[in-house]
Amino acid sequence: MILKSLAFLMITASVATAQCDTGEVSIRFEHDAPAVGHPKGEAAAFLAELVNNELDGRACMTVIAESETYSDATVLDGLASGQYQMAAPAMGNMGDISERFLIFDLPFLFRDLPVVLDYQDSPLGRGLLTEEVDKGLMGLAFWADGMKAMSALAPIESPEDISGMTFGTQHALIEADYFTELGAQTLEVPPTRLADALQSGEVDGQNSTWTDISARGLAYSHDSITETNHGLVQYMLVTSPQFWDSLDAELRDDLNLLIEIVTLERNRFAYELANIAQQQARQDGLRIVRLDDNTRIEWIRAMQPTWFRHGGEIGFDQIAAVSYAAQTATSMFAR
């Protein structure tokens, strides 16, 4: 019977390893996030904890956090080769697989995390999970991280402030586009190396979520962080259709239930982690810069061309659905 104890809902594990017994289905989950203090790392560890307790004797899961062999850019190859059976790439890094995934990276499209969660549960949002099954990618759930903030060697207030700077990014088409629009350069840096690249001066700035900034130490060499909320990081928990179809129906149903439990709990937890990370930055002496209405409009206008270049491929149906979610969303965190 699934869920032997509701106490498992509150587990936060820093290490999730398992020694599979004979006859158990082995599930290896690799990702690039810190195991502790990061929404993806915490969610992956929690899922492994549930699998190894609730499905003991039938399946086991090992999670490799901050894996040196994992990259969002090669997730299809990793799944196809059997290097891992699950991963959680950032959707903004999967534009090479489908540009429709980039809906989550369009600047200033999503107002806040509740709108994100409402959209991802809509028919169009859920449809993205099976968008590229033919290519070997099957989505199982959306895992939230949070809204983005910027920091650099010099304070950032207006769009002009980042002109001439170099920002460390991942394999993200939209990010590279809007930074170019603002007169900045980008350099692809693996997330596990970004803190070192910032401290060494290889790059001048970053635009990441509050939890990423905190868990990876991305602002240690900066005096301020600007709460732009210009974008967000959203993950898709993925597997290969071949692996998923190889599971017996009962195990697949039970595993899917555990994934739903982790998704609900950790998406709520992501919101809390972001608030904690922002408070920690303030306690560490970093100045938090917030955009007033006029400055926010300046940023929106400066990044708006990105919408026109990618809107067609992403789908104006999706953009309209997000706008509808923004009008109807109610905060799940106040319920």
Protein backbone atom coordinates (compact mmCIF):
# COMPACT_ATOMS: atom_id res chain seq x y z
CA MET A 1 0.00 0.00 0.00
CA ILE A 2 1.34 3.42 -0.99
CA LEU A 3 2.17 5.95 1.75
CA LYS A 4 2.93 3.81 4.77
CA SER A 5 3.37 7.00 6.77
CA LEU A 6 2.43 10.61 6.08
CA ALA A 7 5.63 11.53 7.90
CA PHE A 8 7.43 10.93 4.62
CA LEU A 9 5.82 14.10 3.27
CA MET A 10 8.15 16.21 5.40
CA ILE A 11 11.40 14.41 4.58
CA THR A 12 14.23 16.55 3.28
CA ALA A 13 17.21 14.41 2.36
CA SER A 14 20.65 15.63 1.35
CA VAL A 15 21.76 12.27 -0.08
CA ALA A 16 19.56 9.75 -1.83
CA THR A 17 21.34 6.53 -2.72
CA ALA A 18 20.02 3.00 -2.88
CA GLN A 19 21.42 -0.47 -3.26
CA CYS A 20 18.99 -2.26 -5.52
CA ASP A 21 17.95 -5.77 -4.61
CA THR A 22 17.53 -8.55 -7.12
CA GLY A 23 14.30 -8.08 -9.03
CA GLU A 24 13.93 -4.35 -8.26
CA VAL A 25 13.66 -1.85 -11.10
CA SER A 26 16.67 0.47 -10.84
CA ILE A 27 15.97 4.17 -11.46
CA ARG A 28 18.95 6.53 -11.70
CA PHE A 29 18.13 10.24 -11.46
CA GLU A 30 20.88 12.71 -12.39
CA HIS A 31 20.65 16.50 -12.13
CA ASP A 32 22.84 19.60 -11.82
CA ALA A 33 21.39 21.25 -8.69
CA PRO A 34 22.64 21.23 -5.09
CA ALA A 35 20.99 18.48 -3.03
CA VAL A 36 20.06 20.82 -0.17
CA GLY A 37 18.38 24.23 -0.24
CA HIS A 38 17.43 24.01 -3.91
CA PRO A 39 13.90 23.10 -5.13
CA LYS A 40 15.08 20.58 -7.72
CA GLY A 41 17.62 18.96 -5.43
CA GLU A 42 15.12 18.74 -2.57
CA ALA A 43 12.37 17.35 -4.82
CA ALA A 44 14.63 14.70 -6.33
CA ALA A 45 15.81 13.56 -2.89
CA PHE A 46 12.23 13.48 -1.60
CA LEU A 47 11.09 11.38 -4.57
CA ALA A 48 13.93 8.91 -4.00
CA GLU A 49 13.05 8.69 -0.32
CA LEU A 50 9.45 7.82 -1.16
CA VAL A 51 10.38 5.33 -3.88
CA ASN A 52 12.91 3.53 -1.69
CA ASN A 53 10.45 3.25 1.19
CA GLU A 54 7.09 2.83 -0.49
CA LEU A 55 8.19 0.68 -3.44
CA ASP A 56 10.80 -1.37 -1.58
CA GLY A 57 11.20 -4.74 -3.25
CA ARG A 58 9.78 -3.45 -6.54
CA ALA A 59 11.86 -0.39 -7.41
CA CYS A 60 14.79 1.61 -6.09
CA MET A 61 16.09 5.09 -6.96
CA THR A 62 19.53 6.64 -6.76
CA VAL A 63 19.90 10.41 -7.15
CA ILE A 64 23.16 12.00 -8.29
CA ALA A 65 23.07 15.71 -7.39
CA GLU A 66 25.39 18.23 -9.08
CA SER A 67 26.35 15.49 -11.51
CA GLU A 68 29.45 16.28 -13.56
CA THR A 69 28.22 14.03 -16.37
CA TYR A 70 24.75 15.57 -16.66
CA SER A 71 23.72 18.46 -18.92
CA ASP A 72 20.28 19.75 -19.91
CA ALA A 73 21.61 20.18 -23.44
CA THR A 74 22.19 16.42 -23.82
CA VAL A 75 19.20 15.09 -21.87
CA LEU A 76 17.84 13.16 -24.87
CA ASP A 77 21.14 11.34 -25.31
CA GLY A 78 21.34 10.55 -21.59
CA LEU A 79 17.86 9.04 -21.54
CA ALA A 80 18.36 7.12 -24.77
CA SER A 81 21.69 5.64 -23.67
CA GLY A 82 20.36 4.60 -20.27
CA GLN A 83 22.87 6.80 -18.42
CA TYR A 84 19.88 7.76 -16.26
CA GLN A 85 16.17 7.00 -16.28
CA MET A 86 14.97 10.35 -14.91
CA ALA A 87 16.11 13.95 -15.08
CA ALA A 88 14.61 17.39 -14.51
CA PRO A 89 15.97 19.82 -17.13
CA ALA A 90 15.09 23.52 -17.10
CA MET A 91 12.57 24.07 -19.87
CA GLY A 92 14.37 27.17 -21.08
CA ASN A 93 17.36 24.96 -21.92
CA MET A 94 15.31 22.63 -24.13
CA GLY A 95 14.60 24.95 -27.05
CA ASP A 96 16.54 22.63 -29.36
CA ILE A 97 14.00 19.90 -28.62
CA SER A 98 10.90 22.09 -28.98
CA GLU A 99 10.62 25.86 -29.04
CA ARG A 100 7.20 25.50 -27.42
CA PHE A 101 9.02 24.65 -24.19
CA LEU A 102 10.39 28.19 -24.18
CA ILE A 103 7.01 29.61 -23.11
CA PHE A 104 8.37 29.64 -19.55
CA ASP A 105 11.35 31.78 -20.56
CA LEU A 106 9.62 34.66 -22.35
CA PRO A 107 10.55 37.76 -20.31
CA PHE A 108 7.84 39.37 -18.18
CA LEU A 109 5.18 36.91 -19.37
CA PHE A 110 4.44 35.31 -15.99
CA ARG A 111 3.47 37.68 -13.20
CA ASP A 112 4.28 35.33 -10.34
CA LEU A 113 4.54 31.67 -9.34
CA PRO A 114 0.78 31.11 -8.80
CA VAL A 115 0.19 32.07 -12.45
CA VAL A 116 2.88 29.58 -13.49
CA LEU A 117 1.22 26.80 -11.52
CA ASP A 118 -2.23 27.61 -12.95
CA TYR A 119 -0.91 27.60 -16.50
CA GLN A 120 1.04 24.34 -16.17
CA ASP A 121 -2.17 22.62 -14.99
CA SER A 122 -4.14 23.90 -18.00
CA PRO A 123 -4.75 21.65 -21.04
CA LEU A 124 -2.06 23.46 -23.03
CA GLY A 125 0.41 23.28 -20.17
CA ARG A 126 -0.22 19.57 -19.57
CA GLY A 127 0.09 19.00 -23.30
CA LEU A 128 3.75 20.03 -23.16
CA LEU A 129 4.53 16.91 -21.13
CA THR A 130 3.88 14.70 -24.17
CA GLU A 131 4.95 17.24 -26.80
CA GLU A 132 8.08 15.32 -27.82
CA VAL A 133 7.40 11.68 -26.99
CA ASP A 134 8.39 10.76 -30.55
CA LYS A 135 11.86 12.19 -29.87
CA GLY A 136 12.31 10.04 -26.76
CA LEU A 137 11.27 12.59 -24.12
CA MET A 138 8.28 11.96 -21.87
CA GLY A 139 7.31 14.54 -19.28
CA LEU A 140 5.96 13.31 -15.95
CA ALA A 141 5.47 16.56 -14.02
CA PHE A 142 6.44 20.23 -13.77
CA TRP A 143 8.66 21.24 -10.86
CA ALA A 144 8.83 24.92 -9.94
CA ASP A 145 11.89 26.88 -8.91
CA GLY A 146 10.95 30.56 -8.89
CA MET A 147 11.24 34.02 -10.38
CA LYS A 148 14.59 35.41 -11.51
CA ALA A 149 16.73 38.19 -10.09
CA MET A 150 19.89 39.81 -11.48
CA SER A 151 23.19 40.76 -9.90
CA ALA A 152 26.54 41.89 -11.24
CA LEU A 153 29.76 43.66 -10.27
CA ALA A 154 27.94 46.99 -10.60
CA PRO A 155 24.41 47.74 -9.34
CA ILE A 156 21.59 47.05 -11.82
CA GLU A 157 18.59 49.32 -11.89
CA SER A 158 17.77 50.28 -15.47
CA PRO A 159 18.18 48.14 -18.63
CA GLU A 160 21.09 50.37 -19.71
CA ASP A 161 23.09 49.29 -16.66
CA ILE A 162 23.89 45.85 -18.10
CA SER A 163 25.09 47.09 -21.50
CA GLY A 164 28.61 45.83 -22.16
CA MET A 165 28.49 43.21 -19.37
CA THR A 166 28.88 39.47 -19.83
CA PHE A 167 26.31 37.22 -18.14
CA GLY A 168 26.74 33.54 -17.44
CA THR A 169 23.85 31.51 -18.84
CA GLN A 170 23.06 27.94 -19.72
CA HIS A 171 22.01 26.54 -23.10
CA ALA A 172 19.10 28.98 -23.16
CA LEU A 173 17.99 30.55 -26.44
CA ILE A 174 15.65 33.15 -24.94
CA GLU A 175 18.18 34.35 -22.34
CA ALA A 176 20.85 34.84 -24.99
CA ASP A 177 18.34 36.74 -27.11
CA TYR A 178 17.16 39.25 -24.51
CA PHE A 179 20.66 39.92 -23.20
CA THR A 180 21.78 40.68 -26.76
CA GLU A 181 18.79 43.02 -27.06
CA LEU A 182 20.06 44.88 -23.97
CA GLY A 183 23.60 45.21 -25.32
CA ALA A 184 25.09 42.53 -23.07
CA GLN A 185 27.06 39.40 -23.92
CA THR A 186 26.40 35.86 -22.73
CA LEU A 187 28.73 32.98 -22.02
CA GLU A 188 27.50 29.42 -21.58
CA VAL A 189 28.61 28.27 -18.15
CA PRO A 190 27.44 25.04 -16.47
CA PRO A 191 25.47 25.89 -13.32
CA THR A 192 27.95 23.96 -11.20
CA ARG A 193 30.70 26.37 -12.39
CA LEU A 194 28.81 29.66 -12.37
CA ALA A 195 29.87 30.78 -8.86
CA ASP A 196 33.53 30.25 -9.76
CA ALA A 197 33.08 32.07 -13.08
CA LEU A 198 31.59 35.06 -11.25
CA GLN A 199 34.31 35.18 -8.62
CA SER A 200 37.11 34.84 -11.17
CA GLY A 201 35.69 37.58 -13.41
CA GLU A 202 35.08 35.20 -16.31
CA VAL A 203 31.55 36.64 -16.35
CA ASP A 204 30.24 39.86 -14.80
CA GLY A 205 26.74 38.89 -13.78
CA GLN A 206 24.01 36.32 -13.39
CA ASN A 207 20.24 36.07 -13.69
CA SER A 208 18.96 33.20 -11.60
CA THR A 209 16.28 32.37 -9.08
CA TRP A 210 16.65 33.36 -5.44
CA THR A 211 17.19 29.74 -4.43
CA ASP A 212 19.86 29.27 -7.09
CA ILE A 213 21.59 32.46 -5.94
CA SER A 214 21.54 31.26 -2.34
CA ALA A 215 22.28 27.54 -2.80
CA ARG A 216 25.12 28.12 -5.27
CA GLY A 217 26.54 31.32 -3.72
CA LEU A 218 26.11 33.36 -6.89
CA ALA A 219 26.12 36.83 -5.32
CA TYR A 220 29.02 36.61 -2.88
CA SER A 221 31.10 39.05 -4.93
CA HIS A 222 28.22 41.50 -5.48
CA ASP A 223 26.79 44.32 -3.34
CA SER A 224 23.19 44.15 -4.51
CA ILE A 225 20.59 41.96 -6.19
CA THR A 226 17.85 43.39 -8.39
CA GLU A 227 14.43 41.77 -8.03
CA THR A 228 13.49 42.07 -11.68
CA ASN A 229 11.12 39.06 -11.81
CA HIS A 230 11.79 39.20 -15.54
CA GLY A 231 11.74 35.44 -15.97
CA LEU A 232 11.51 32.18 -14.14
CA VAL A 233 13.02 28.73 -13.98
CA GLN A 234 10.67 25.81 -14.47
CA TYR A 235 11.73 22.18 -14.65
CA MET A 236 10.13 19.23 -16.39
CA LEU A 237 10.58 15.87 -14.71
CA VAL A 238 11.30 13.58 -17.65
CA THR A 239 11.94 9.97 -18.53
CA SER A 240 12.13 8.02 -21.77
CA PRO A 241 8.90 6.55 -23.17
CA GLN A 242 10.72 3.24 -23.61
CA PHE A 243 11.62 3.04 -19.92
CA TRP A 244 8.17 4.17 -18.76
CA ASP A 245 6.41 1.65 -21.00
CA SER A 246 8.70 -1.14 -19.76
CA LEU A 247 7.26 -0.86 -16.22
CA ASP A 248 4.34 -3.03 -15.28
CA ALA A 249 1.06 -1.13 -15.05
CA GLU A 250 0.75 -1.32 -11.26
CA LEU A 251 4.29 -0.08 -10.63
CA ARG A 252 3.81 2.70 -13.15
CA ASP A 253 0.61 3.83 -11.42
CA ASP A 254 2.22 3.74 -7.97
CA LEU A 255 5.30 5.61 -9.17
CA ASN A 256 3.10 8.20 -10.84
CA LEU A 257 1.22 8.72 -7.55
CA LEU A 258 4.48 9.33 -5.69
CA ILE A 259 5.51 11.83 -8.37
CA GLU A 260 2.20 13.68 -7.93
CA ILE A 261 2.72 13.83 -4.16
CA VAL A 262 6.27 15.16 -4.52
CA THR A 263 5.16 17.69 -7.14
CA LEU A 264 2.38 19.14 -5.00
CA GLU A 265 4.49 19.29 -1.85
CA ARG A 266 7.70 20.60 -3.42
CA ASN A 267 6.02 23.18 -5.64
CA ARG A 268 4.62 24.70 -2.46
CA PHE A 269 8.03 24.34 -0.84
CA ALA A 270 9.74 26.13 -3.77
CA TYR A 271 7.76 29.26 -2.96
CA GLU A 272 8.86 29.08 0.67
CA LEU A 273 12.49 28.43 -0.28
CA ALA A 274 12.52 31.52 -2.52
CA ASN A 275 11.31 33.70 0.34
CA ILE A 276 13.87 32.22 2.72
CA ALA A 277 16.66 32.73 0.18
CA GLN A 278 15.70 36.38 -0.33
CA GLN A 279 15.62 36.98 3.42
CA GLN A 280 19.03 35.34 3.75
CA ALA A 281 20.47 37.63 1.08
CA ARG A 282 19.20 40.64 3.01
CA GLN A 283 20.68 39.30 6.26
CA ASP A 284 24.00 38.81 4.49
CA GLY A 285 24.07 42.55 3.81
CA LEU A 286 23.07 42.55 0.15
CA ARG A 287 20.95 45.48 -0.96
CA ILE A 288 17.71 44.35 -2.63
CA VAL A 289 16.77 46.63 -5.53
CA ARG A 290 13.09 46.59 -6.52
CA LEU A 291 11.69 48.05 -9.73
CA ASP A 292 9.13 50.82 -9.48
CA ASP A 293 6.31 50.84 -12.05
CA ASN A 294 8.07 53.17 -14.49
CA THR A 295 11.35 51.26 -14.40
CA ARG A 296 9.54 47.97 -14.83
CA ILE A 297 7.90 49.33 -17.99
CA GLU A 298 11.39 50.28 -19.27
CA TRP A 299 12.57 46.69 -18.77
CA ILE A 300 9.48 45.25 -20.44
CA ARG A 301 9.89 47.49 -23.49
CA ALA A 302 13.59 46.66 -23.75
CA MET A 303 12.95 42.90 -23.75
CA GLN A 304 9.69 42.93 -25.75
CA PRO A 305 11.34 42.19 -29.15
CA THR A 306 12.09 38.69 -27.88
CA TRP A 307 8.35 37.98 -27.91
CA PHE A 308 8.03 38.94 -31.58
CA ARG A 309 10.99 36.79 -32.62
CA HIS A 310 9.90 33.65 -30.80
CA GLY A 311 6.14 34.02 -30.33
CA GLY A 312 5.23 32.17 -33.51
CA GLU A 313 7.30 29.10 -32.70
CA ILE A 314 6.33 29.07 -29.03
CA GLY A 315 2.69 29.50 -29.99
CA PHE A 316 0.45 32.49 -29.51
CA ASP A 317 -2.13 30.01 -28.21
CA GLN A 318 0.17 29.38 -25.25
CA ILE A 319 0.84 33.07 -24.69
CA ALA A 320 -2.92 33.74 -24.67
CA ALA A 321 -3.42 30.89 -22.18
CA VAL A 322 -0.85 32.43 -19.83
CA SER A 323 -2.62 35.78 -20.09
CA TYR A 324 -5.89 34.05 -19.17
CA ALA A 325 -4.19 32.30 -16.21
CA ALA A 326 -2.90 35.68 -15.02
CA GLN A 327 -6.47 37.01 -14.92
CA THR A 328 -7.94 34.01 -13.11
CA ALA A 329 -5.10 32.72 -10.91
CA THR A 330 -5.69 32.56 -7.19
CA SER A 331 -2.78 31.99 -4.87
CA MET A 332 -2.53 28.33 -3.86
CA PHE A 333 -0.39 29.45 -0.96
CA ALA A 334 -3.24 31.33 0.69
CA ARG A 335 -5.62 28.36 0.69
